[in-house]
């Protein structure tokens, strides 16, 4: 239920952009690409992730026609202004410097960047209540940053212009435009 609502918000925001070409940076196994395709998003989707194992699992287990590649968000192998929409969901909190990654996403975008990160402290609390990462009080050890709504908005505002910022428990989502 939580994930379905999150995915529906993503689909609605992607539709608003009317993008004909999308990069899903940090696509992992390709769940979002698959969801976009199953919801009749007709844009050409390209996925990329730092973890080759996740990409391989996606290739082996999903039916979607998007090409995927191993890539580093800090150094994307695309020219400036290449994608009308760049999606980066649940990735920025893993980067040592989220703004560096966001600047690179903005570089390859010609218009929109769609982002999400866990909404803290609610994400951590939900983890704790379901018995995940108990010794860290629900904090995911792979998360280098814990963004409250205000913290996330401030970090994003430092790089791009926020068009819409909202929540889908336990995540926060921002549709932004390149400056």
N, C-alpha and C. Protein backbone atom coordinates (compact mmCIF):
# COMPACT_ATOMS: atom_id res chain seq x y z
N UNK A 1 0.82 -1.19 0.00
CA UNK A 1 0.00 0.00 0.00
C UNK A 1 0.86 1.26 0.00
N UNK A 2 1.87 1.33 0.90
CA UNK A 2 2.73 2.50 0.96
C UNK A 2 3.49 2.68 -0.35
N UNK A 3 4.05 1.59 -0.85
CA UNK A 3 4.83 1.65 -2.07
C UNK A 3 3.95 1.96 -3.28
N UNK A 4 2.75 1.43 -3.30
CA UNK A 4 1.82 1.72 -4.41
C UNK A 4 1.49 3.20 -4.48
N UNK A 5 1.23 3.80 -3.32
CA UNK A 5 0.92 5.23 -3.28
C UNK A 5 2.14 6.05 -3.75
N UNK A 6 3.32 5.67 -3.26
CA UNK A 6 4.56 6.33 -3.68
C UNK A 6 4.72 6.26 -5.19
N UNK A 7 4.58 5.05 -5.75
CA UNK A 7 4.72 4.88 -7.20
C UNK A 7 3.69 5.68 -7.98
N UNK A 8 2.47 5.78 -7.47
CA UNK A 8 1.44 6.55 -8.18
C UNK A 8 1.79 8.03 -8.22
N UNK A 9 2.33 8.55 -7.13
CA UNK A 9 2.76 9.95 -7.12
C UNK A 9 3.88 10.16 -8.14
N UNK A 10 4.82 9.22 -8.20
CA UNK A 10 5.92 9.31 -9.17
C UNK A 10 5.35 9.33 -10.59
N UNK A 11 4.43 8.42 -10.90
CA UNK A 11 3.81 8.37 -12.23
C UNK A 11 3.12 9.70 -12.54
N UNK A 12 2.35 10.23 -11.59
CA UNK A 12 1.64 11.49 -11.81
C UNK A 12 2.62 12.64 -12.10
N UNK A 13 3.70 12.69 -11.34
CA UNK A 13 4.69 13.76 -11.54
C UNK A 13 5.42 13.60 -12.88
N UNK A 14 5.74 12.37 -13.25
CA UNK A 14 6.39 12.13 -14.55
C UNK A 14 5.46 12.58 -15.67
N UNK A 15 4.18 12.25 -15.56
CA UNK A 15 3.22 12.67 -16.58
C UNK A 15 3.15 14.19 -16.70
N UNK A 16 3.24 14.89 -15.59
CA UNK A 16 3.20 16.36 -15.62
C UNK A 16 4.36 16.95 -16.42
N UNK A 17 5.49 16.28 -16.43
CA UNK A 17 6.66 16.82 -17.14
C UNK A 17 6.53 16.66 -18.65
N UNK A 18 5.75 15.71 -19.09
CA UNK A 18 5.59 15.39 -20.52
C UNK A 18 6.93 15.08 -21.19
N UNK A 19 7.86 14.54 -20.41
CA UNK A 19 9.19 14.20 -20.94
C UNK A 19 9.09 13.03 -21.92
N UNK A 20 9.89 13.12 -22.98
CA UNK A 20 9.92 12.03 -23.95
C UNK A 20 11.13 11.12 -23.78
N UNK A 21 12.06 11.52 -22.89
CA UNK A 21 13.25 10.71 -22.61
C UNK A 21 13.59 10.89 -21.13
N UNK A 22 13.80 9.77 -20.43
CA UNK A 22 14.00 9.79 -18.98
C UNK A 22 15.23 8.98 -18.62
N UNK A 23 16.06 9.54 -17.74
CA UNK A 23 17.14 8.78 -17.11
C UNK A 23 16.70 8.47 -15.69
N UNK A 24 16.72 7.19 -15.32
CA UNK A 24 16.49 6.79 -13.94
C UNK A 24 17.87 6.48 -13.35
N UNK A 25 18.45 7.48 -12.69
CA UNK A 25 19.79 7.37 -12.12
C UNK A 25 19.68 6.76 -10.73
N UNK A 26 20.25 5.57 -10.58
CA UNK A 26 20.10 4.83 -9.33
C UNK A 26 18.90 3.91 -9.41
N UNK A 27 18.66 3.34 -10.58
CA UNK A 27 17.46 2.54 -10.81
C UNK A 27 17.46 1.19 -10.10
N UNK A 28 18.62 0.75 -9.62
CA UNK A 28 18.75 -0.56 -8.98
C UNK A 28 18.19 -1.64 -9.91
N UNK A 29 17.24 -2.41 -9.43
CA UNK A 29 16.70 -3.52 -10.21
C UNK A 29 15.77 -3.07 -11.34
N UNK A 30 15.28 -1.84 -11.27
CA UNK A 30 14.41 -1.32 -12.32
C UNK A 30 12.93 -1.28 -11.97
N UNK A 31 12.60 -1.33 -10.67
CA UNK A 31 11.20 -1.31 -10.26
C UNK A 31 10.44 -0.09 -10.77
N UNK A 32 11.06 1.08 -10.69
CA UNK A 32 10.37 2.31 -11.11
C UNK A 32 10.18 2.31 -12.62
N UNK A 33 11.20 1.90 -13.36
CA UNK A 33 11.07 1.83 -14.82
C UNK A 33 9.93 0.89 -15.19
N UNK A 34 9.89 -0.26 -14.55
CA UNK A 34 8.81 -1.21 -14.82
C UNK A 34 7.45 -0.58 -14.49
N UNK A 35 7.37 0.11 -13.38
CA UNK A 35 6.11 0.73 -12.99
C UNK A 35 5.69 1.82 -13.99
N UNK A 36 6.64 2.61 -14.44
CA UNK A 36 6.32 3.64 -15.44
C UNK A 36 5.79 3.00 -16.72
N UNK A 37 6.44 1.94 -17.17
CA UNK A 37 6.01 1.28 -18.39
C UNK A 37 4.64 0.63 -18.23
N UNK A 38 4.36 0.08 -17.07
CA UNK A 38 3.05 -0.54 -16.83
C UNK A 38 1.94 0.49 -16.68
N UNK A 39 2.31 1.76 -16.51
CA UNK A 39 1.34 2.84 -16.40
C UNK A 39 1.32 3.70 -17.66
N UNK A 40 1.75 3.11 -18.76
CA UNK A 40 1.66 3.74 -20.08
C UNK A 40 2.44 5.03 -20.23
N UNK A 41 3.55 5.15 -19.50
CA UNK A 41 4.46 6.26 -19.75
C UNK A 41 5.22 5.89 -21.02
N UNK A 42 5.05 6.66 -22.06
CA UNK A 42 5.59 6.33 -23.37
C UNK A 42 7.00 6.87 -23.61
N UNK A 43 7.56 7.52 -22.64
CA UNK A 43 8.92 8.08 -22.79
C UNK A 43 9.94 6.96 -22.92
N UNK A 44 11.01 7.25 -23.61
CA UNK A 44 12.15 6.34 -23.66
C UNK A 44 12.83 6.41 -22.29
N UNK A 45 12.96 5.27 -21.63
CA UNK A 45 13.59 5.21 -20.31
C UNK A 45 14.95 4.54 -20.41
N UNK A 46 15.92 5.12 -19.74
CA UNK A 46 17.25 4.55 -19.63
C UNK A 46 17.55 4.48 -18.14
N UNK A 47 18.05 3.34 -17.69
CA UNK A 47 18.36 3.18 -16.28
C UNK A 47 19.84 3.01 -16.05
N UNK A 48 20.28 3.40 -14.89
CA UNK A 48 21.68 3.20 -14.53
C UNK A 48 21.82 3.07 -13.03
N UNK A 49 22.79 2.30 -12.62
CA UNK A 49 23.03 2.11 -11.19
C UNK A 49 24.50 1.78 -10.97
N UNK A 50 24.96 2.07 -9.76
CA UNK A 50 26.35 1.82 -9.37
C UNK A 50 26.58 0.33 -9.09
N UNK A 51 25.53 -0.38 -8.73
CA UNK A 51 25.62 -1.80 -8.35
C UNK A 51 25.29 -2.72 -9.53
N UNK A 52 26.29 -3.34 -10.15
CA UNK A 52 26.02 -4.21 -11.30
C UNK A 52 25.14 -5.41 -10.94
N UNK A 53 25.21 -5.87 -9.69
CA UNK A 53 24.40 -7.02 -9.28
C UNK A 53 22.91 -6.67 -9.34
N UNK A 54 22.56 -5.46 -8.92
CA UNK A 54 21.16 -5.03 -8.96
C UNK A 54 20.67 -4.94 -10.41
N UNK A 55 21.50 -4.39 -11.27
CA UNK A 55 21.13 -4.30 -12.68
C UNK A 55 20.93 -5.68 -13.28
N UNK A 56 21.81 -6.61 -12.95
CA UNK A 56 21.70 -7.98 -13.48
C UNK A 56 20.44 -8.65 -12.98
N UNK A 57 20.13 -8.48 -11.70
CA UNK A 57 18.92 -9.07 -11.15
C UNK A 57 17.70 -8.53 -11.89
N UNK A 58 17.70 -7.23 -12.15
CA UNK A 58 16.61 -6.62 -12.90
C UNK A 58 16.48 -7.18 -14.30
N UNK A 59 17.60 -7.37 -14.96
CA UNK A 59 17.59 -7.96 -16.31
C UNK A 59 17.02 -9.37 -16.28
N UNK A 60 17.39 -10.12 -15.24
CA UNK A 60 16.98 -11.52 -15.14
C UNK A 60 15.53 -11.71 -14.71
N UNK A 61 14.93 -10.72 -14.05
CA UNK A 61 13.64 -10.94 -13.41
C UNK A 61 12.50 -10.02 -13.85
N UNK A 62 12.76 -9.05 -14.67
CA UNK A 62 11.69 -8.14 -15.09
C UNK A 62 11.50 -8.16 -16.59
N UNK A 63 10.31 -7.78 -16.97
CA UNK A 63 10.02 -7.62 -18.40
C UNK A 63 9.85 -6.12 -18.63
N UNK A 64 10.91 -5.49 -19.05
CA UNK A 64 10.85 -4.10 -19.47
C UNK A 64 11.90 -3.93 -20.55
N UNK A 65 11.69 -2.98 -21.39
CA UNK A 65 12.56 -2.84 -22.55
C UNK A 65 13.57 -1.70 -22.41
N UNK A 66 13.82 -1.27 -21.19
CA UNK A 66 14.74 -0.16 -20.99
C UNK A 66 16.19 -0.64 -20.95
N UNK A 67 17.07 0.02 -21.68
CA UNK A 67 18.48 -0.30 -21.53
C UNK A 67 18.98 0.20 -20.18
N UNK A 68 19.88 -0.55 -19.58
CA UNK A 68 20.45 -0.16 -18.29
C UNK A 68 21.96 -0.28 -18.37
N UNK A 69 22.65 0.52 -17.54
CA UNK A 69 24.11 0.52 -17.55
C UNK A 69 24.65 0.78 -16.15
N UNK A 70 25.81 0.26 -15.90
CA UNK A 70 26.52 0.54 -14.65
C UNK A 70 27.06 1.96 -14.75
N UNK A 71 26.72 2.81 -13.76
CA UNK A 71 27.20 4.19 -13.79
C UNK A 71 27.35 4.75 -12.39
N UNK A 72 28.11 5.82 -12.31
CA UNK A 72 28.35 6.55 -11.07
C UNK A 72 27.66 7.90 -11.19
N UNK A 73 26.76 8.20 -10.26
CA UNK A 73 26.01 9.45 -10.31
C UNK A 73 26.93 10.67 -10.26
N UNK A 74 28.11 10.52 -9.71
CA UNK A 74 29.05 11.65 -9.65
C UNK A 74 29.67 11.98 -11.01
N UNK A 75 29.66 11.03 -11.93
CA UNK A 75 30.25 11.21 -13.26
C UNK A 75 29.39 10.50 -14.30
N UNK A 76 28.27 11.08 -14.64
CA UNK A 76 27.35 10.44 -15.59
C UNK A 76 27.91 10.54 -17.02
N UNK A 77 27.80 9.43 -17.77
CA UNK A 77 28.40 9.40 -19.12
C UNK A 77 27.49 9.95 -20.21
N UNK A 78 26.86 11.08 -19.93
CA UNK A 78 25.94 11.69 -20.89
C UNK A 78 26.30 13.16 -21.06
N UNK A 79 25.99 13.71 -22.23
CA UNK A 79 26.28 15.14 -22.45
C UNK A 79 25.33 16.02 -21.64
N UNK A 80 25.71 17.28 -21.51
CA UNK A 80 24.87 18.27 -20.84
C UNK A 80 23.50 18.32 -21.51
N UNK A 81 22.45 18.54 -20.70
CA UNK A 81 21.10 18.77 -21.20
C UNK A 81 20.56 17.63 -22.06
N UNK A 82 20.92 16.40 -21.76
CA UNK A 82 20.58 15.26 -22.60
C UNK A 82 19.17 14.70 -22.34
N UNK A 83 18.69 14.78 -21.09
CA UNK A 83 17.41 14.19 -20.72
C UNK A 83 16.43 15.27 -20.26
N UNK A 84 15.22 15.31 -20.83
CA UNK A 84 14.22 16.25 -20.34
C UNK A 84 13.85 15.99 -18.86
N UNK A 85 13.97 14.72 -18.44
CA UNK A 85 13.66 14.36 -17.06
C UNK A 85 14.71 13.38 -16.54
N UNK A 86 15.25 13.68 -15.39
CA UNK A 86 16.14 12.76 -14.68
C UNK A 86 15.46 12.40 -13.37
N UNK A 87 15.34 11.11 -13.12
CA UNK A 87 14.74 10.60 -11.88
C UNK A 87 15.87 10.06 -11.01
N UNK A 88 15.81 10.36 -9.73
CA UNK A 88 16.79 9.83 -8.78
C UNK A 88 16.06 9.62 -7.45
N UNK A 89 15.61 8.39 -7.24
CA UNK A 89 14.77 8.07 -6.09
C UNK A 89 15.54 7.21 -5.09
N UNK A 90 15.54 7.67 -3.86
CA UNK A 90 16.14 6.92 -2.75
C UNK A 90 17.62 6.66 -2.98
N UNK A 91 18.34 7.69 -3.44
CA UNK A 91 19.76 7.57 -3.72
C UNK A 91 20.58 8.64 -3.00
N UNK A 92 20.12 9.87 -3.01
CA UNK A 92 20.93 10.99 -2.50
C UNK A 92 21.38 10.80 -1.06
N UNK A 93 20.59 10.12 -0.25
CA UNK A 93 20.96 9.89 1.15
C UNK A 93 22.15 8.95 1.29
N UNK A 94 22.50 8.25 0.22
CA UNK A 94 23.63 7.32 0.23
C UNK A 94 24.95 7.97 -0.21
N UNK A 95 24.87 9.16 -0.77
CA UNK A 95 26.07 9.82 -1.32
C UNK A 95 26.80 10.62 -0.24
N UNK A 96 28.12 10.61 -0.26
CA UNK A 96 28.85 11.42 0.72
C UNK A 96 28.47 12.90 0.66
N UNK A 97 28.26 13.44 -0.55
CA UNK A 97 27.83 14.83 -0.70
C UNK A 97 26.67 14.85 -1.69
N UNK A 98 25.46 14.95 -1.15
CA UNK A 98 24.26 14.90 -1.98
C UNK A 98 24.22 16.00 -3.02
N UNK A 99 24.71 17.19 -2.68
CA UNK A 99 24.67 18.29 -3.64
C UNK A 99 25.58 18.04 -4.84
N UNK A 100 26.69 17.37 -4.64
CA UNK A 100 27.57 17.03 -5.77
C UNK A 100 26.81 16.12 -6.74
N UNK A 101 26.15 15.10 -6.20
CA UNK A 101 25.35 14.21 -7.03
C UNK A 101 24.22 14.95 -7.72
N UNK A 102 23.54 15.82 -6.98
CA UNK A 102 22.43 16.57 -7.55
C UNK A 102 22.90 17.51 -8.66
N UNK A 103 24.05 18.12 -8.49
CA UNK A 103 24.59 18.99 -9.56
C UNK A 103 24.85 18.19 -10.84
N UNK A 104 25.32 16.96 -10.69
CA UNK A 104 25.56 16.13 -11.87
C UNK A 104 24.24 15.71 -12.52
N UNK A 105 23.24 15.41 -11.72
CA UNK A 105 21.91 15.10 -12.27
C UNK A 105 21.36 16.31 -13.04
N UNK A 106 21.54 17.49 -12.47
CA UNK A 106 21.07 18.72 -13.13
C UNK A 106 21.85 18.98 -14.42
N UNK A 107 23.11 18.63 -14.43
CA UNK A 107 23.92 18.84 -15.64
C UNK A 107 23.36 18.07 -16.82
N UNK A 108 22.96 16.80 -16.62
CA UNK A 108 22.48 15.99 -17.74
C UNK A 108 20.99 16.20 -18.03
N UNK A 109 20.30 16.94 -17.16
CA UNK A 109 18.90 17.26 -17.38
C UNK A 109 18.78 18.53 -18.22
N UNK A 110 17.81 18.52 -19.13
CA UNK A 110 17.53 19.75 -19.86
C UNK A 110 16.39 20.52 -19.21
N UNK A 111 15.67 19.87 -18.28
CA UNK A 111 14.52 20.55 -17.69
C UNK A 111 14.22 20.11 -16.25
N UNK A 112 13.74 18.88 -16.05
CA UNK A 112 13.25 18.44 -14.75
C UNK A 112 14.16 17.41 -14.09
N UNK A 113 14.14 17.42 -12.75
CA UNK A 113 14.78 16.39 -11.94
C UNK A 113 13.76 16.00 -10.87
N UNK A 114 13.44 14.70 -10.81
CA UNK A 114 12.49 14.16 -9.83
C UNK A 114 13.27 13.38 -8.79
N UNK A 115 13.12 13.77 -7.52
CA UNK A 115 13.94 13.23 -6.44
C UNK A 115 13.06 12.68 -5.32
N UNK A 116 13.60 11.70 -4.60
CA UNK A 116 12.99 11.30 -3.34
C UNK A 116 14.09 10.84 -2.39
N UNK A 117 13.82 11.05 -1.12
CA UNK A 117 14.68 10.57 -0.03
C UNK A 117 13.76 10.17 1.11
N UNK A 118 14.25 9.35 2.05
CA UNK A 118 13.44 9.05 3.23
C UNK A 118 13.12 10.33 4.00
N UNK A 119 11.90 10.40 4.52
CA UNK A 119 11.48 11.54 5.33
C UNK A 119 11.77 11.21 6.79
N UNK A 120 12.79 11.85 7.30
CA UNK A 120 13.20 11.60 8.69
C UNK A 120 12.53 12.60 9.63
N UNK A 121 12.22 12.17 10.82
CA UNK A 121 12.56 10.92 11.49
C UNK A 121 11.54 9.80 11.27
N UNK A 122 10.56 10.02 10.40
CA UNK A 122 9.49 9.05 10.22
C UNK A 122 9.97 7.74 9.60
N UNK A 123 10.89 7.83 8.64
CA UNK A 123 11.43 6.62 8.01
C UNK A 123 12.13 5.76 9.05
N UNK A 124 12.95 6.39 9.84
CA UNK A 124 13.69 5.69 10.90
C UNK A 124 12.72 5.08 11.91
N UNK A 125 11.70 5.82 12.30
CA UNK A 125 10.70 5.31 13.23
C UNK A 125 9.95 4.11 12.68
N UNK A 126 9.60 4.17 11.40
CA UNK A 126 8.91 3.04 10.77
C UNK A 126 9.82 1.81 10.75
N UNK A 127 11.10 2.01 10.45
CA UNK A 127 12.05 0.89 10.50
C UNK A 127 12.09 0.27 11.89
N UNK A 128 12.20 1.12 12.89
CA UNK A 128 12.30 0.63 14.27
C UNK A 128 11.05 -0.16 14.66
N UNK A 129 9.88 0.35 14.31
CA UNK A 129 8.63 -0.32 14.66
C UNK A 129 8.47 -1.67 13.98
N UNK A 130 9.07 -1.82 12.80
CA UNK A 130 8.98 -3.12 12.13
C UNK A 130 10.18 -4.02 12.44
N UNK A 131 11.01 -3.58 13.40
CA UNK A 131 12.11 -4.41 13.88
C UNK A 131 13.35 -4.38 13.01
N UNK A 132 13.51 -3.35 12.20
CA UNK A 132 14.66 -3.26 11.30
C UNK A 132 15.67 -2.27 11.88
N UNK A 133 16.94 -2.65 11.90
CA UNK A 133 18.04 -1.80 12.40
C UNK A 133 17.79 -1.35 13.85
N UNK A 134 17.39 -2.29 14.68
CA UNK A 134 17.03 -1.96 16.06
C UNK A 134 18.20 -1.35 16.85
N UNK A 135 19.41 -1.88 16.66
CA UNK A 135 20.54 -1.36 17.43
C UNK A 135 20.89 0.07 17.03
N UNK A 136 20.45 0.49 15.86
CA UNK A 136 20.69 1.86 15.40
C UNK A 136 19.40 2.69 15.50
N UNK A 137 18.45 2.22 16.30
CA UNK A 137 17.17 2.90 16.49
C UNK A 137 16.46 3.17 15.16
N UNK A 138 16.54 2.19 14.24
CA UNK A 138 15.86 2.29 12.96
C UNK A 138 16.63 2.99 11.86
N UNK A 139 17.79 3.55 12.19
CA UNK A 139 18.58 4.26 11.19
C UNK A 139 19.29 3.26 10.28
N UNK A 140 19.06 3.38 8.99
CA UNK A 140 19.71 2.50 8.01
C UNK A 140 21.20 2.82 7.97
N UNK A 141 22.07 1.83 8.21
CA UNK A 141 23.50 2.12 8.25
C UNK A 141 24.09 2.58 6.91
N UNK A 142 23.37 2.35 5.81
CA UNK A 142 23.85 2.80 4.50
C UNK A 142 23.49 4.26 4.21
N UNK A 143 22.65 4.85 5.05
CA UNK A 143 22.26 6.25 4.85
C UNK A 143 23.29 7.16 5.49
N UNK A 144 23.94 7.95 4.66
CA UNK A 144 24.93 8.90 5.15
C UNK A 144 24.29 10.21 5.58
N UNK A 145 23.04 10.44 5.14
CA UNK A 145 22.30 11.66 5.47
C UNK A 145 20.89 11.28 5.90
N UNK A 146 20.36 12.01 6.84
CA UNK A 146 18.99 11.84 7.30
C UNK A 146 18.29 13.18 7.12
N UNK A 147 17.42 13.26 6.12
CA UNK A 147 16.80 14.54 5.75
C UNK A 147 15.40 14.70 6.33
N UNK A 148 15.23 15.71 7.15
CA UNK A 148 13.89 16.17 7.50
C UNK A 148 13.36 16.89 6.26
N UNK A 149 12.09 17.25 6.28
CA UNK A 149 11.53 17.99 5.15
C UNK A 149 12.26 19.30 4.91
N UNK A 150 12.54 20.01 5.99
CA UNK A 150 13.24 21.30 5.88
C UNK A 150 14.67 21.11 5.38
N UNK A 151 15.37 20.12 5.91
CA UNK A 151 16.76 19.86 5.50
C UNK A 151 16.85 19.49 4.02
N UNK A 152 15.93 18.63 3.57
CA UNK A 152 15.93 18.21 2.17
C UNK A 152 15.64 19.40 1.26
N UNK A 153 14.64 20.16 1.62
CA UNK A 153 14.26 21.32 0.80
C UNK A 153 15.43 22.30 0.70
N UNK A 154 16.13 22.53 1.80
CA UNK A 154 17.27 23.44 1.82
C UNK A 154 18.40 22.91 0.94
N UNK A 155 18.69 21.61 1.03
CA UNK A 155 19.76 21.02 0.22
C UNK A 155 19.42 21.13 -1.27
N UNK A 156 18.19 20.80 -1.63
CA UNK A 156 17.76 20.82 -3.03
C UNK A 156 17.74 22.26 -3.56
N UNK A 157 17.23 23.18 -2.76
CA UNK A 157 17.17 24.59 -3.17
C UNK A 157 18.54 25.18 -3.48
N UNK A 158 19.59 24.57 -2.94
CA UNK A 158 20.94 25.04 -3.21
C UNK A 158 21.41 24.74 -4.63
N UNK A 159 20.67 23.88 -5.36
CA UNK A 159 21.12 23.45 -6.68
C UNK A 159 20.08 23.70 -7.78
N UNK A 160 18.81 23.42 -7.48
CA UNK A 160 17.73 23.48 -8.48
C UNK A 160 16.54 24.22 -7.89
N UNK A 161 15.56 24.51 -8.73
CA UNK A 161 14.33 25.17 -8.27
C UNK A 161 13.25 24.13 -8.00
N UNK A 162 12.64 24.18 -6.84
CA UNK A 162 11.61 23.23 -6.47
C UNK A 162 10.28 23.66 -7.08
N UNK A 163 9.67 22.76 -7.85
CA UNK A 163 8.36 22.98 -8.44
C UNK A 163 7.29 22.46 -7.48
N UNK A 164 7.54 21.30 -6.89
CA UNK A 164 6.60 20.67 -5.95
C UNK A 164 7.41 19.84 -4.96
N UNK A 165 7.03 19.92 -3.70
CA UNK A 165 7.65 19.12 -2.65
C UNK A 165 6.52 18.55 -1.81
N UNK A 166 6.49 17.23 -1.67
CA UNK A 166 5.42 16.60 -0.91
C UNK A 166 5.89 15.31 -0.27
N UNK A 167 4.93 14.61 0.31
CA UNK A 167 5.25 13.43 1.11
C UNK A 167 4.36 12.26 0.74
N UNK A 168 4.94 11.08 0.82
CA UNK A 168 4.23 9.82 0.72
C UNK A 168 4.88 8.93 1.76
N UNK A 169 4.29 8.88 2.94
CA UNK A 169 4.90 8.21 4.09
C UNK A 169 5.50 6.88 3.68
N UNK A 170 6.76 6.64 4.04
CA UNK A 170 7.71 7.43 4.83
C UNK A 170 8.74 8.17 3.98
N UNK A 171 8.35 8.60 2.78
CA UNK A 171 9.29 9.27 1.87
C UNK A 171 8.86 10.71 1.63
N UNK A 172 9.81 11.50 1.12
CA UNK A 172 9.50 12.82 0.62
C UNK A 172 9.97 12.89 -0.83
N UNK A 173 9.25 13.65 -1.61
CA UNK A 173 9.44 13.70 -3.05
C UNK A 173 9.52 15.16 -3.47
N UNK A 174 10.40 15.44 -4.43
CA UNK A 174 10.49 16.80 -4.97
C UNK A 174 10.61 16.74 -6.49
N UNK A 175 9.73 17.46 -7.16
CA UNK A 175 9.87 17.68 -8.59
C UNK A 175 10.54 19.04 -8.72
N UNK A 176 11.67 19.06 -9.41
CA UNK A 176 12.45 20.28 -9.52
C UNK A 176 12.72 20.61 -10.97
N UNK A 177 13.17 21.83 -11.18
CA UNK A 177 13.59 22.27 -12.52
C UNK A 177 15.01 22.77 -12.46
N UNK A 178 15.69 22.52 -13.53
CA UNK A 178 17.05 23.00 -13.67
C UNK A 178 17.04 24.53 -13.76
N UNK A 179 18.04 25.15 -13.17
CA UNK A 179 18.15 26.62 -13.25
C UNK A 179 18.77 27.04 -14.56
